[in-house]
Protein backbone atom coordinates (compact mmCIF):
# COMPACT_ATOMS: atom_id res chain seq x y z
CA MET A 1 -0.12 0.13 0.03
CA ALA A 2 1.17 3.37 -1.29
CA GLY A 3 1.08 5.97 1.56
CA ASN A 4 -0.31 6.67 4.95
CA GLY A 5 -3.58 8.27 4.20
CA TRP A 6 -4.48 11.84 2.75
CA ARG A 7 -3.41 14.32 5.23
CA GLY A 8 -4.89 17.30 3.53
CA ARG A 9 -4.75 20.52 4.07
CA GLY A 10 -0.50 21.44 4.10
CA ASP A 11 1.43 22.88 1.77
CA PRO A 12 0.16 22.51 -1.65
CA LEU A 13 2.85 21.09 -3.58
CA GLU A 14 3.48 18.56 -0.93
CA GLU A 15 0.10 17.38 -1.37
CA GLN A 16 0.47 17.28 -4.53
CA ILE A 17 3.03 15.03 -4.41
CA GLU A 18 1.53 13.20 -1.96
CA ARG A 19 -1.14 12.75 -4.83
CA TRP A 20 1.36 11.73 -7.45
CA LEU A 21 2.78 8.97 -5.36
CA ILE A 22 -0.35 7.38 -4.44
CA ALA A 23 -1.66 7.35 -7.90
CA ASN A 24 2.06 6.16 -9.30
CA ASN A 25 1.58 2.80 -5.99
CA ILE A 26 5.21 4.33 -4.51
CA SER A 27 4.87 3.74 -0.95
CA PHE A 28 6.11 6.89 1.18
CA ARG A 29 6.08 7.90 4.69
CA ARG A 30 5.08 11.06 5.69
CA ALA A 31 7.53 13.25 7.85
CA ASP A 32 5.37 12.86 10.97
CA ASP A 33 6.21 9.44 10.95
CA MET A 34 10.18 9.79 10.88
CA LYS A 35 12.97 11.02 13.33
CA VAL A 36 14.53 13.07 10.16
CA HIS A 37 11.42 15.23 9.70
CA LEU A 38 11.67 15.51 6.19
CA ASP A 39 8.66 15.65 4.13
CA PHE A 40 8.26 12.53 1.97
CA PHE A 41 10.90 9.23 2.74
CA LEU A 42 10.35 6.39 -0.08
CA PRO A 43 11.39 3.47 1.46
CA GLU A 44 11.78 1.38 -1.70
CA PHE A 45 14.44 3.18 -2.74
CA ASN A 46 15.88 4.82 0.34
CA VAL A 47 15.54 8.38 -1.12
CA TYR A 48 14.40 11.25 1.27
CA ILE A 49 12.01 14.15 -0.44
CA GLU A 50 12.01 17.83 0.89
CA VAL A 51 9.74 20.17 -0.94
CA LYS A 52 9.75 24.02 -1.21
CA ARG A 53 7.63 26.67 -2.46
CA TYR A 54 11.02 29.06 -2.51
CA HIS A 55 14.26 28.72 -0.83
CA THR A 56 14.39 29.35 2.94
CA GLU A 57 17.44 29.70 5.11
CA ARG A 58 16.57 26.20 7.20
CA ILE A 59 17.31 24.04 3.67
CA LYS A 60 20.68 23.23 4.65
CA ASP A 61 20.22 21.78 7.73
CA GLN A 62 17.14 19.88 6.68
CA ILE A 63 19.42 17.96 3.48
CA GLU A 64 22.33 17.51 6.30
CA ARG A 65 19.69 14.82 7.86
CA ALA A 66 20.03 12.22 4.88
CA THR A 67 22.31 11.39 2.65
CA ASP A 68 20.48 10.92 -0.41
CA VAL A 69 17.73 13.72 -0.58
CA ILE A 70 15.91 15.20 -3.47
CA VAL A 71 14.73 18.71 -2.93
CA ILE A 72 11.93 19.54 -5.09
CA GLN A 73 11.68 23.71 -5.07
CA GLY A 74 8.66 25.37 -6.68
CA SER A 75 6.28 24.12 -8.92
CA ALA A 76 7.65 24.10 -12.47
CA SER A 77 10.36 21.89 -10.66
CA LEU A 78 7.90 19.41 -9.17
CA ARG A 79 5.85 19.30 -12.71
CA PHE A 80 9.99 18.55 -14.48
CA LEU A 81 10.22 16.04 -12.08
CA GLU A 82 6.55 14.34 -12.42
CA SER A 83 7.16 14.69 -16.53
CA LEU A 84 10.48 13.23 -16.25
CA VAL A 85 9.86 10.60 -13.99
CA SER A 86 6.62 9.15 -16.00
CA ARG A 87 8.67 8.94 -19.30
CA LEU A 88 11.14 6.52 -17.76
CA PRO A 89 10.05 2.55 -18.58
CA SER A 90 9.80 1.72 -14.60
CA LEU A 91 10.67 2.84 -11.42
CA GLU A 92 12.98 -0.32 -10.86
CA ILE A 93 16.18 1.41 -12.53
CA ALA A 94 16.97 3.15 -8.57
CA ASN A 95 17.22 -0.14 -7.46
CA ARG A 96 20.17 -0.76 -10.27
């Protein structure tokens, strides 16, 4: 099962990513469930995702909490990432 249910009423970009992960059946955990406190963790790929609408001073501290972090900053970046991933033949390439 992907995700841990719909949280709603959060950051719009985070909500968009959560809907996209669920729609693509990608398992994830939210920051509420983790000690690292980054927005998402994808256990299948051992990757974290941190989402920002714009640059903040605390991003440096946040991405130092884990080794593999994808930072998505802004809605255009999110649209690009969604488009890029949708063109991949399979997400299994991350496990190589």
